[in-house]
Amino acid sequence: MDCIFCKILSGEIPSKKVYEDETVCAFYDVDPQAPVHVLIIPKEHIPSAAAITPENSAVVAHIFEVIAKLSKELGLTEGFRVVNNCGDIAGQTVKHLHFHLMGGREFTWPAG
């Protein structure tokens, strides 16, 4: 499989991890869009949010539990943004389900 996130999980590509358990991994984005920009991914290769099923959906709940934990640990007490891009038209560049946890600055809507 030619998935950059799977290669990060296998250790083939280095990353700066901030959290890992048996289900998910979180690491700093190499092209941060905010002072804090962490990616949280399932260890199971799920191509996108469109591929979530009753059989694999529990990982999404766990990812949001990890987001809540990390937001506190990373000092995002004033707020943060969680982003998921699904499909090419939405800007998904890596076809492995992932959520961006961003904070440390004020955001605008919808861009920025």
Protein backbone atom coordinates (compact mmCIF):
# COMPACT_ATOMS: atom_id res chain seq x y z
CA MET A 1 0.00 0.00 0.00
CA ASP A 2 1.33 3.44 -0.90
CA CYS A 3 -0.26 5.34 2.00
CA ILE A 4 1.96 7.89 3.72
CA PHE A 5 0.08 7.50 7.02
CA CYS A 6 0.43 3.71 6.94
CA LYS A 7 4.16 4.27 6.37
CA ILE A 8 4.27 6.58 9.39
CA LEU A 9 2.48 3.94 11.46
CA SER A 10 4.97 1.27 10.37
CA GLY A 11 7.93 3.52 11.21
CA GLU A 12 9.05 3.70 7.58
CA ILE A 13 8.53 7.48 7.68
CA PRO A 14 9.47 9.34 10.89
CA SER A 15 6.99 11.53 12.73
CA LYS A 16 6.84 13.52 15.93
CA LYS A 17 4.23 11.54 17.86
CA VAL A 18 2.25 13.12 20.67
CA TYR A 19 0.00 10.13 21.43
CA GLU A 20 -0.32 6.48 20.54
CA ASP A 21 -2.37 3.54 21.74
CA GLU A 22 -3.52 0.25 20.22
CA THR A 23 -6.15 1.98 18.06
CA VAL A 24 -4.91 5.44 17.07
CA CYS A 25 -1.82 7.55 16.60
CA ALA A 26 -1.42 11.34 16.82
CA PHE A 27 1.51 13.31 15.47
CA TYR A 28 2.42 16.84 14.51
CA ASP A 29 1.58 17.95 10.96
CA VAL A 30 4.69 18.61 8.84
CA ASP A 31 2.98 21.67 7.30
CA PRO A 32 1.25 23.27 10.30
CA GLN A 33 -1.55 25.74 9.69
CA ALA A 34 -1.67 26.84 13.33
CA PRO A 35 0.75 27.00 16.27
CA VAL A 36 -0.63 23.61 17.35
CA HIS A 37 -1.50 21.29 14.45
CA VAL A 38 -1.78 17.59 15.21
CA LEU A 39 -3.13 14.78 13.02
CA ILE A 40 -5.05 11.97 14.67
CA ILE A 41 -5.40 8.78 12.62
CA PRO A 42 -6.73 5.28 13.15
CA LYS A 43 -4.19 2.50 12.87
CA GLU A 44 -6.65 0.61 10.69
CA HIS A 45 -6.52 1.91 7.12
CA ILE A 46 -9.90 3.54 6.51
CA PRO A 47 -9.78 5.59 3.29
CA SER A 48 -12.06 8.45 4.40
CA ALA A 49 -15.09 9.41 6.47
CA ALA A 50 -17.20 8.05 3.61
CA ALA A 51 -15.86 4.57 4.42
CA ILE A 52 -17.02 4.56 8.04
CA THR A 53 -19.30 1.60 8.76
CA PRO A 54 -20.99 0.12 11.83
CA GLU A 55 -18.04 -2.28 12.03
CA ASN A 56 -15.34 0.41 12.19
CA SER A 57 -17.14 3.47 13.58
CA ALA A 58 -16.02 3.02 17.20
CA VAL A 59 -12.59 4.30 16.21
CA VAL A 60 -14.10 7.72 15.44
CA ALA A 61 -15.53 8.02 18.96
CA HIS A 62 -12.13 7.05 20.34
CA ILE A 63 -10.40 9.62 18.14
CA PHE A 64 -12.62 12.34 19.62
CA GLU A 65 -11.79 11.12 23.13
CA VAL A 66 -8.11 11.48 22.20
CA ILE A 67 -8.77 14.95 20.76
CA ALA A 68 -10.34 16.04 24.08
CA LYS A 69 -7.33 14.66 25.99
CA LEU A 70 -4.75 16.24 23.67
CA SER A 71 -6.50 19.62 23.61
CA LYS A 72 -6.04 19.82 27.39
CA GLU A 73 -2.46 18.51 27.34
CA LEU A 74 -1.48 20.92 24.56
CA GLY A 75 -2.97 23.92 26.36
CA LEU A 76 -5.81 24.63 23.95
CA THR A 77 -8.02 25.95 26.75
CA GLU A 78 -9.46 28.85 24.76
CA GLY A 79 -10.69 26.61 21.95
CA PHE A 80 -9.57 24.60 18.99
CA ARG A 81 -10.68 23.42 15.56
CA VAL A 82 -11.13 19.84 14.38
CA VAL A 83 -11.17 19.30 10.61
CA ASN A 84 -11.80 16.28 8.43
CA ASN A 85 -11.60 16.54 4.64
CA CYS A 86 -13.46 13.81 2.77
CA GLY A 87 -12.71 13.32 -0.93
CA ASP A 88 -10.70 15.21 -3.51
CA ILE A 89 -13.16 18.08 -3.90
CA ALA A 90 -12.98 18.71 -0.13
CA GLY A 91 -9.18 18.78 -0.14
CA GLN A 92 -8.40 15.29 1.17
CA THR A 93 -4.83 14.70 0.02
CA VAL A 94 -4.06 11.55 2.02
CA LYS A 95 -6.59 8.77 1.53
CA HIS A 96 -6.44 7.56 5.14
CA LEU A 97 -9.06 8.82 7.60
CA HIS A 98 -7.56 11.60 9.69
CA PHE A 99 -8.60 14.54 11.78
CA HIS A 100 -6.68 17.80 12.15
CA LEU A 101 -6.58 19.25 15.67
CA MET A 102 -5.56 22.89 15.36
CA GLY A 103 -5.30 25.66 17.92
CA GLY A 104 -3.23 28.42 19.38
CA ARG A 105 -4.66 31.14 17.15
CA GLU A 106 -8.01 32.63 16.19
CA PHE A 107 -9.73 31.08 13.17
CA THR A 108 -12.15 32.52 10.65
CA TRP A 109 -14.89 30.73 8.76
CA PRO A 110 -14.89 29.03 6.31
CA ALA A 111 -11.25 29.55 5.33
CA GLY A 112 -8.24 30.51 7.36
